[in-house]
Amino acid sequence: MLKKYGLKLSFIALATSMVLGCTTTTNVPQVSPEGMNLKKSTKSTVAYIKEGVDFSEYKKVLILPSAVAFKKDWKRDYNRNQTSISTRVRDEDVIRIKADVAKLFDEVFKEEFGKNAKFPIVDKISSNTLLIRPAIVDLDVAAPDLRTAGNIKTYSSETGQATLFLELYDGVSGEILARAVSASAAGDNSYYQWATRVSNRADAKRMIRKWAKALRTKYDEAHMPKTK
C-alpha cells in the first residue's frame, strides 16, 4: 500500500528549484498544483497546506524512509578542484554518504516524534494516521571525509547545504495535506575548521533536528486544546 507514496526524486528536485528559485517571495504561486494554499513564503522556506485540514484528527504518525539526492553535478564540481586522486570523490563515496544521511535523517525524525507516547509512531496505516514523506535534495557537502584520503585534512567554514522536501498525507485516502520546502546550511561558521566524518555528522544532525523540531512543534500545536 505504501508503494504509491514512492518518491520520484527528479520531480522533487524540479519542484524544489521552481519554488526556491523564485527571485522574490511574491513570485511563489499562491496555490499549488494540488489546490493547496500558500501558508509560508520566505527566502529559504515555502509551505502549502490544504484548506480546512484539521491535523488534530491524526493520532498516529507513519514516517516513510527518507530519500536523498545530491545537488546536480556535485561530484563533478567537487573533483574539478582536487589535484590529488586520493582526495577525489568516487561513486562508492556518493552512495555511502547518501545512505548515511538517509539513516541519520530517519533516526532523528523518529526520535523527535517518539518523545510523546500520546501520538505513537506506527509502521502500518490505519484510521487517523498521518503519513510523512520526507526527502533531502540538493545535498552539497563542502568537505566530505573520504575513507581513501589517508591523513589528508580538509578545512571548511561550513559542512554543506541541503534542502528538505516534506509532504504530509492522509494515510487512508492518500490525499496530500501539506508540503514544505526548506533550504538550510549545516555547520555555518565564521572561521575554517577541520572537517571530519564526526564533525560532518554532528552538523548534519543539528540541521535535521531543527527541521524535525519545527514539524513536531506544529503537530503538537494542532493537538492543543482550543481556547474559547
C-alpha atoms as a PDB file:
ATOM      1  CA  MET A   1       0.000   0.000   0.000  1.00  0.00           C
ATOM      2  CA  LEU A   2       2.883   2.354   0.705  1.00  0.00           C
ATOM      3  CA  LYS A   3       4.273   1.963  -2.804  1.00  0.00           C
ATOM      4  CA  LYS A   4       2.011   4.727  -4.094  1.00  0.00           C
ATOM      5  CA  TYR A   5       3.963   7.160  -1.943  1.00  0.00           C
ATOM      6  CA  GLY A   6       7.231   6.274  -3.675  1.00  0.00           C
ATOM      7  CA  LEU A   7       9.470   9.260  -4.251  1.00  0.00           C
ATOM      8  CA  LYS A   8      10.357  10.472  -7.703  1.00  0.00           C
ATOM      9  CA  LEU A   9      13.461  12.498  -6.927  1.00  0.00           C
ATOM     10  CA  SER A  10      13.596  14.056 -10.386  1.00  0.00           C
ATOM     11  CA  PHE A  11      10.153  15.577  -9.822  1.00  0.00           C
ATOM     12  CA  ILE A  12      11.046  16.669  -6.302  1.00  0.00           C
ATOM     13  CA  ALA A  13      14.263  18.344  -7.443  1.00  0.00           C
ATOM     14  CA  LEU A  14      12.351  20.160 -10.194  1.00  0.00           C
ATOM     15  CA  ALA A  15       9.599  21.276  -7.837  1.00  0.00           C
ATOM     16  CA  THR A  16      12.154  22.454  -5.297  1.00  0.00           C
ATOM     17  CA  SER A  17      14.087  24.505  -7.822  1.00  0.00           C
ATOM     18  CA  MET A  18      10.867  26.057  -9.116  1.00  0.00           C
ATOM     19  CA  VAL A  19       9.737  27.057  -5.624  1.00  0.00           C
ATOM     20  CA  LEU A  20      13.015  28.229  -4.047  1.00  0.00           C
ATOM     21  CA  GLY A  21      14.362  29.510  -7.333  1.00  0.00           C
ATOM     22  CA  CYS A  22      11.966  32.443  -7.316  1.00  0.00           C
ATOM     23  CA  THR A  23      13.795  35.744  -7.030  1.00  0.00           C
ATOM     24  CA  THR A  24      11.218  37.167  -4.602  1.00  0.00           C
ATOM     25  CA  THR A  25       8.573  35.700  -2.329  1.00  0.00           C
ATOM     26  CA  THR A  26       5.873  37.398  -4.393  1.00  0.00           C
ATOM     27  CA  ASN A  27       6.748  35.109  -7.319  1.00  0.00           C
ATOM     28  CA  VAL A  28       5.824  31.973  -5.379  1.00  0.00           C
ATOM     29  CA  PRO A  29       2.489  30.526  -6.615  1.00  0.00           C
ATOM     30  CA  GLN A  30      -0.341  31.212  -4.181  1.00  0.00           C
ATOM     31  CA  VAL A  31      -1.909  27.831  -4.943  1.00  0.00           C
ATOM     32  CA  SER A  32      -0.088  24.523  -5.514  1.00  0.00           C
ATOM     33  CA  PRO A  33      -0.956  22.230  -8.462  1.00  0.00           C
ATOM     34  CA  GLU A  34      -2.996  20.118  -5.994  1.00  0.00           C
ATOM     35  CA  GLY A  35      -5.002  23.147  -4.844  1.00  0.00           C
ATOM     36  CA  MET A  36      -3.209  23.751  -1.533  1.00  0.00           C
ATOM     37  CA  ASN A  37      -2.882  27.332  -0.342  1.00  0.00           C
ATOM     38  CA  LEU A  38       0.415  29.088   0.309  1.00  0.00           C
ATOM     39  CA  LYS A  39       0.941  29.226   4.079  1.00  0.00           C
ATOM     40  CA  LYS A  40       4.510  30.498   4.379  1.00  0.00           C
ATOM     41  CA  SER A  41       6.923  32.098   1.949  1.00  0.00           C
ATOM     42  CA  THR A  42      10.431  33.260   2.874  1.00  0.00           C
ATOM     43  CA  LYS A  43      13.774  33.241   1.114  1.00  0.00           C
ATOM     44  CA  SER A  44      14.550  29.744   2.444  1.00  0.00           C
ATOM     45  CA  THR A  45      11.160  28.175   3.197  1.00  0.00           C
ATOM     46  CA  VAL A  46       7.904  27.698   1.329  1.00  0.00           C
ATOM     47  CA  ALA A  47       4.914  25.824   2.754  1.00  0.00           C
ATOM     48  CA  TYR A  48       1.492  24.892   1.386  1.00  0.00           C
ATOM     49  CA  ILE A  49      -1.494  23.481   3.271  1.00  0.00           C
ATOM     50  CA  LYS A  50      -4.883  22.122   2.273  1.00  0.00           C
ATOM     51  CA  GLU A  51      -7.757  24.422   3.124  1.00  0.00           C
ATOM     52  CA  GLY A  52      -9.708  23.295   6.176  1.00  0.00           C
ATOM     53  CA  VAL A  53      -7.437  20.392   7.163  1.00  0.00           C
ATOM     54  CA  ASP A  54      -7.608  19.550  10.882  1.00  0.00           C
ATOM     55  CA  PHE A  55      -4.372  17.892  11.974  1.00  0.00           C
ATOM     56  CA  SER A  56      -5.812  17.245  15.436  1.00  0.00           C
ATOM     57  CA  GLU A  57      -7.694  14.320  13.880  1.00  0.00           C
ATOM     58  CA  TYR A  58      -4.420  12.454  13.364  1.00  0.00           C
ATOM     59  CA  LYS A  59      -3.402  10.464  16.443  1.00  0.00           C
ATOM     60  CA  LYS A  60      -0.687   8.301  14.850  1.00  0.00           C
ATOM     61  CA  VAL A  61       2.305   9.060  12.649  1.00  0.00           C
ATOM     62  CA  LEU A  62       3.927   6.919   9.983  1.00  0.00           C
ATOM     63  CA  ILE A  63       7.275   8.230   8.712  1.00  0.00           C
ATOM     64  CA  LEU A  64       8.391   6.797   5.382  1.00  0.00           C
ATOM     65  CA  PRO A  65      12.111   6.108   4.805  1.00  0.00           C
ATOM     66  CA  SER A  66      13.735   9.287   3.525  1.00  0.00           C
ATOM     67  CA  ALA A  67      15.236   9.671   0.081  1.00  0.00           C
ATOM     68  CA  VAL A  68      18.432  11.636  -0.557  1.00  0.00           C
ATOM     69  CA  ALA A  69      19.723  13.260  -3.732  1.00  0.00           C
ATOM     70  CA  PHE A  70      22.905  15.261  -4.227  1.00  0.00           C
ATOM     71  CA  LYS A  71      22.994  18.645  -5.872  1.00  0.00           C
ATOM     72  CA  LYS A  72      23.237  18.332  -9.654  1.00  0.00           C
ATOM     73  CA  ASP A  73      26.830  17.660 -10.762  1.00  0.00           C
ATOM     74  CA  TRP A  74      28.115  17.841  -7.171  1.00  0.00           C
ATOM     75  CA  LYS A  75      30.639  15.034  -7.648  1.00  0.00           C
ATOM     76  CA  ARG A  76      31.991  16.504 -10.906  1.00  0.00           C
ATOM     77  CA  ASP A  77      32.241  20.016  -9.493  1.00  0.00           C
ATOM     78  CA  TYR A  78      33.933  18.843  -6.296  1.00  0.00           C
ATOM     79  CA  ASN A  79      36.501  16.700  -8.113  1.00  0.00           C
ATOM     80  CA  ARG A  80      37.331  19.516 -10.523  1.00  0.00           C
ATOM     81  CA  ASN A  81      39.075  21.341  -7.683  1.00  0.00           C
ATOM     82  CA  GLN A  82      41.027  18.324  -6.428  1.00  0.00           C
ATOM     83  CA  THR A  83      44.649  17.946  -7.516  1.00  0.00           C
ATOM     84  CA  SER A  84      45.152  14.508  -5.973  1.00  0.00           C
ATOM     85  CA  ILE A  85      43.350  11.285  -6.882  1.00  0.00           C
ATOM     86  CA  SER A  86      43.210  10.397  -3.174  1.00  0.00           C
ATOM     87  CA  THR A  87      41.015  13.421  -2.435  1.00  0.00           C
ATOM     88  CA  ARG A  88      38.543  12.874  -5.266  1.00  0.00           C
ATOM     89  CA  VAL A  89      35.050  11.588  -4.615  1.00  0.00           C
ATOM     90  CA  ARG A  90      34.234   8.171  -6.050  1.00  0.00           C
ATOM     91  CA  ASP A  91      30.843   6.691  -6.871  1.00  0.00           C
ATOM     92  CA  GLU A  92      31.001   4.499  -3.774  1.00  0.00           C
ATOM     93  CA  ASP A  93      31.579   7.623  -1.664  1.00  0.00           C
ATOM     94  CA  VAL A  94      28.434   9.233  -3.063  1.00  0.00           C
ATOM     95  CA  ILE A  95      26.393   6.093  -2.393  1.00  0.00           C
ATOM     96  CA  ARG A  96      27.760   5.795   1.156  1.00  0.00           C
ATOM     97  CA  ILE A  97      27.128   9.449   2.010  1.00  0.00           C
ATOM     98  CA  LYS A  98      23.564   9.266   0.710  1.00  0.00           C
ATOM     99  CA  ALA A  99      22.872   6.162   2.798  1.00  0.00           C
ATOM    100  CA  ASP A 100      24.439   7.731   5.893  1.00  0.00           C
ATOM    101  CA  VAL A 101      22.403  10.931   5.553  1.00  0.00           C
ATOM    102  CA  ALA A 102      19.160   8.996   4.978  1.00  0.00           C
ATOM    103  CA  LYS A 103      19.800   6.812   8.017  1.00  0.00           C
ATOM    104  CA  LEU A 104      20.605   9.819  10.195  1.00  0.00           C
ATOM    105  CA  PHE A 105      17.517  11.662   8.974  1.00  0.00           C
ATOM    106  CA  ASP A 106      15.250   8.707   9.782  1.00  0.00           C
ATOM    107  CA  GLU A 107      16.801   8.291  13.240  1.00  0.00           C
ATOM    108  CA  VAL A 108      16.431  11.947  14.215  1.00  0.00           C
ATOM    109  CA  PHE A 109      12.869  12.346  12.927  1.00  0.00           C
ATOM    110  CA  LYS A 110      11.672   9.195  14.683  1.00  0.00           C
ATOM    111  CA  GLU A 111      13.475  10.245  17.846  1.00  0.00           C
ATOM    112  CA  GLU A 112      11.765  13.647  17.877  1.00  0.00           C
ATOM    113  CA  PHE A 113       8.292  12.286  17.133  1.00  0.00           C
ATOM    114  CA  GLY A 114       8.787   9.418  19.568  1.00  0.00           C
ATOM    115  CA  LYS A 115       9.225  11.725  22.558  1.00  0.00           C
ATOM    116  CA  ASN A 116       5.466  11.889  23.161  1.00  0.00           C
ATOM    117  CA  ALA A 117       3.908   8.457  23.575  1.00  0.00           C
ATOM    118  CA  LYS A 118       0.474  10.043  23.194  1.00  0.00           C
ATOM    119  CA  PHE A 119       0.988  10.099  19.420  1.00  0.00           C
ATOM    120  CA  PRO A 120       2.710   6.815  18.571  1.00  0.00           C
ATOM    121  CA  ILE A 121       4.873   6.190  15.534  1.00  0.00           C
ATOM    122  CA  VAL A 122       3.420   3.251  13.636  1.00  0.00           C
ATOM    123  CA  ASP A 123       4.607   1.122  10.720  1.00  0.00           C
ATOM    124  CA  LYS A 124       1.189   0.317   9.269  1.00  0.00           C
ATOM    125  CA  ILE A 125      -1.575   2.635   8.064  1.00  0.00           C
ATOM    126  CA  SER A 126      -4.918   2.650   9.853  1.00  0.00           C
ATOM    127  CA  SER A 127      -7.549   5.250  10.718  1.00  0.00           C
ATOM    128  CA  ASN A 128      -6.273   8.661  11.870  1.00  0.00           C
ATOM    129  CA  THR A 129      -2.740   8.063  10.588  1.00  0.00           C
ATOM    130  CA  LEU A 130      -0.693  10.995   9.350  1.00  0.00           C
ATOM    131  CA  LEU A 131       1.845   9.869   6.772  1.00  0.00           C
ATOM    132  CA  ILE A 132       5.065  11.873   6.467  1.00  0.00           C
ATOM    133  CA  ARG A 133       7.042  11.556   3.239  1.00  0.00           C
ATOM    134  CA  PRO A 134      10.483  13.199   3.540  1.00  0.00           C
ATOM    135  CA  ALA A 135      13.307  13.778   1.095  1.00  0.00           C
ATOM    136  CA  ILE A 136      16.590  15.666   1.130  1.00  0.00           C
ATOM    137  CA  VAL A 137      17.564  17.165  -2.197  1.00  0.00           C
ATOM    138  CA  ASP A 138      20.335  19.466  -3.446  1.00  0.00           C
ATOM    139  CA  LEU A 139      22.719  17.908  -0.913  1.00  0.00           C
ATOM    140  CA  ASP A 140      26.028  19.774  -1.142  1.00  0.00           C
ATOM    141  CA  VAL A 141      28.821  18.503   1.120  1.00  0.00           C
ATOM    142  CA  ALA A 142      31.593  21.096   1.323  1.00  0.00           C
ATOM    143  CA  ALA A 143      34.322  18.849   2.750  1.00  0.00           C
ATOM    144  CA  PRO A 144      33.434  15.141   2.660  1.00  0.00           C
ATOM    145  CA  ASP A 145      35.606  12.950   4.855  1.00  0.00           C
ATOM    146  CA  LEU A 146      36.741  10.339   2.339  1.00  0.00           C
ATOM    147  CA  ARG A 147      37.885   6.964   3.591  1.00  0.00           C
ATOM    148  CA  THR A 148      40.578   6.795   0.916  1.00  0.00           C
ATOM    149  CA  ALA A 149      42.101  10.179   1.721  1.00  0.00           C
ATOM    150  CA  GLY A 150      44.634   8.866   4.237  1.00  0.00           C
ATOM    151  CA  ASN A 151      45.858  11.591   6.578  1.00  0.00           C
ATOM    152  CA  ILE A 152      44.857  14.455   4.295  1.00  0.00           C
ATOM    153  CA  LYS A 153      42.873  17.103   6.206  1.00  0.00           C
ATOM    154  CA  THR A 154      40.149  19.222   4.654  1.00  0.00           C
ATOM    155  CA  TYR A 155      39.146  22.571   6.123  1.00  0.00           C
ATOM    156  CA  SER A 156      35.868  24.343   5.528  1.00  0.00           C
ATOM    157  CA  SER A 157      33.784  27.133   7.032  1.00  0.00           C
ATOM    158  CA  GLU A 158      30.610  25.029   6.743  1.00  0.00           C
ATOM    159  CA  THR A 159      29.719  21.343   6.375  1.00  0.00           C
ATOM    160  CA  GLY A 160      27.407  21.952   3.454  1.00  0.00           C
ATOM    161  CA  GLN A 161      23.855  22.661   2.435  1.00  0.00           C
ATOM    162  CA  ALA A 162      20.684  20.712   1.812  1.00  0.00           C
ATOM    163  CA  THR A 163      17.005  21.251   1.092  1.00  0.00           C
ATOM    164  CA  LEU A 164      14.212  19.473   2.924  1.00  0.00           C
ATOM    165  CA  PHE A 165      11.234  18.410   0.809  1.00  0.00           C
ATOM    166  CA  LEU A 166       8.432  17.243   3.072  1.00  0.00           C
ATOM    167  CA  GLU A 167       4.890  16.128   2.265  1.00  0.00           C
ATOM    168  CA  LEU A 168       2.085  15.152   4.651  1.00  0.00           C
ATOM    169  CA  TYR A 169      -0.710  12.802   3.592  1.00  0.00           C
ATOM    170  CA  ASP A 170      -3.877  11.331   4.978  1.00  0.00           C
ATOM    171  CA  GLY A 171      -2.728   7.738   5.409  1.00  0.00           C
ATOM    172  CA  VAL A 172      -6.030   6.112   4.457  1.00  0.00           C
ATOM    173  CA  SER A 173      -7.176   8.204   1.485  1.00  0.00           C
ATOM    174  CA  GLY A 174      -3.735   9.202   0.242  1.00  0.00           C
ATOM    175  CA  GLU A 175      -4.826  12.832  -0.058  1.00  0.00           C
ATOM    176  CA  ILE A 176      -1.991  15.309   0.226  1.00  0.00           C
ATOM    177  CA  LEU A 177      -2.467  17.712   3.139  1.00  0.00           C
ATOM    178  CA  ALA A 178       0.660  19.850   3.187  1.00  0.00           C
ATOM    179  CA  ARG A 179       4.034  20.374   1.533  1.00  0.00           C
ATOM    180  CA  ALA A 180       7.098  22.212   2.798  1.00  0.00           C
ATOM    181  CA  VAL A 181      10.397  23.027   1.113  1.00  0.00           C
ATOM    182  CA  SER A 182      13.166  24.407   3.319  1.00  0.00           C
ATOM    183  CA  ALA A 183      16.816  25.100   2.457  1.00  0.00           C
ATOM    184  CA  SER A 184      19.441  25.180   5.205  1.00  0.00           C
ATOM    185  CA  ALA A 185      23.195  25.233   5.775  1.00  0.00           C
ATOM    186  CA  ALA A 186      24.928  22.925   8.223  1.00  0.00           C
ATOM    187  CA  GLY A 187      27.830  23.943  10.431  1.00  0.00           C
ATOM    188  CA  ASP A 188      27.881  27.544   9.251  1.00  0.00           C
ATOM    189  CA  ASN A 189      30.897  29.134  10.980  1.00  0.00           C
ATOM    190  CA  SER A 190      32.787  32.379  10.609  1.00  0.00           C
ATOM    191  CA  TYR A 191      36.081  30.501  10.690  1.00  0.00           C
ATOM    192  CA  TYR A 192      37.602  27.493   8.963  1.00  0.00           C
ATOM    193  CA  GLN A 193      37.841  24.205  10.812  1.00  0.00           C
ATOM    194  CA  TRP A 194      38.930  20.665  10.083  1.00  0.00           C
ATOM    195  CA  ALA A 195      36.019  18.697   8.638  1.00  0.00           C
ATOM    196  CA  THR A 196      35.836  15.065   9.724  1.00  0.00           C
ATOM    197  CA  ARG A 197      33.249  12.311   9.494  1.00  0.00           C
ATOM    198  CA  VAL A 198      32.353  13.024  13.131  1.00  0.00           C
ATOM    199  CA  SER A 199      32.004  16.796  12.700  1.00  0.00           C
ATOM    200  CA  ASN A 200      30.054  16.400   9.461  1.00  0.00           C
ATOM    201  CA  ARG A 201      27.629  14.029  11.156  1.00  0.00           C
ATOM    202  CA  ALA A 202      27.205  16.339  14.149  1.00  0.00           C
ATOM    203  CA  ASP A 203      26.500  19.348  11.932  1.00  0.00           C
ATOM    204  CA  ALA A 204      24.070  17.381   9.750  1.00  0.00           C
ATOM    205  CA  LYS A 205      22.304  16.051  12.840  1.00  0.00           C
ATOM    206  CA  ARG A 206      21.771  19.568  14.182  1.00  0.00           C
ATOM    207  CA  MET A 207      20.325  20.690  10.855  1.00  0.00           C
ATOM    208  CA  ILE A 208      17.979  17.697  10.624  1.00  0.00           C
ATOM    209  CA  ARG A 209      16.886  18.078  14.242  1.00  0.00           C
ATOM    210  CA  LYS A 210      15.982  21.705  13.582  1.00  0.00           C
ATOM    211  CA  TRP A 211      13.636  20.554  10.814  1.00  0.00           C
ATOM    212  CA  ALA A 212      12.216  17.738  12.936  1.00  0.00           C
ATOM    213  CA  LYS A 213      11.567  20.010  15.927  1.00  0.00           C
ATOM    214  CA  ALA A 214       9.832  22.592  13.745  1.00  0.00           C
ATOM    215  CA  LEU A 215       7.459  19.979  12.337  1.00  0.00           C
ATOM    216  CA  ARG A 216       6.879  18.358  15.709  1.00  0.00           C
ATOM    217  CA  THR A 217       6.069  21.747  17.250  1.00  0.00           C
ATOM    218  CA  LYS A 218       3.413  22.389  14.600  1.00  0.00           C
ATOM    219  CA  TYR A 219       1.996  18.902  15.114  1.00  0.00           C
ATOM    220  CA  ASP A 220       1.796  19.399  18.887  1.00  0.00           C
ATOM    221  CA  GLU A 221       0.192  22.825  18.481  1.00  0.00           C
ATOM    222  CA  ALA A 222      -2.539  21.275  16.331  1.00  0.00           C
ATOM    223  CA  HIS A 223      -3.437  18.971  19.239  1.00  0.00           C
ATOM    224  CA  MET A 224      -3.549  21.652  21.927  1.00  0.00           C
ATOM    225  CA  PRO A 225      -6.993  22.346  23.413  1.00  0.00           C
ATOM    226  CA  LYS A 226      -8.821  25.085  21.568  1.00  0.00           C
ATOM    227  CA  THR A 227      -9.354  28.211  23.652  1.00  0.00           C
ATOM    228  CA  LYS A 228     -12.808  29.747  23.589  1.00  0.00           C
END
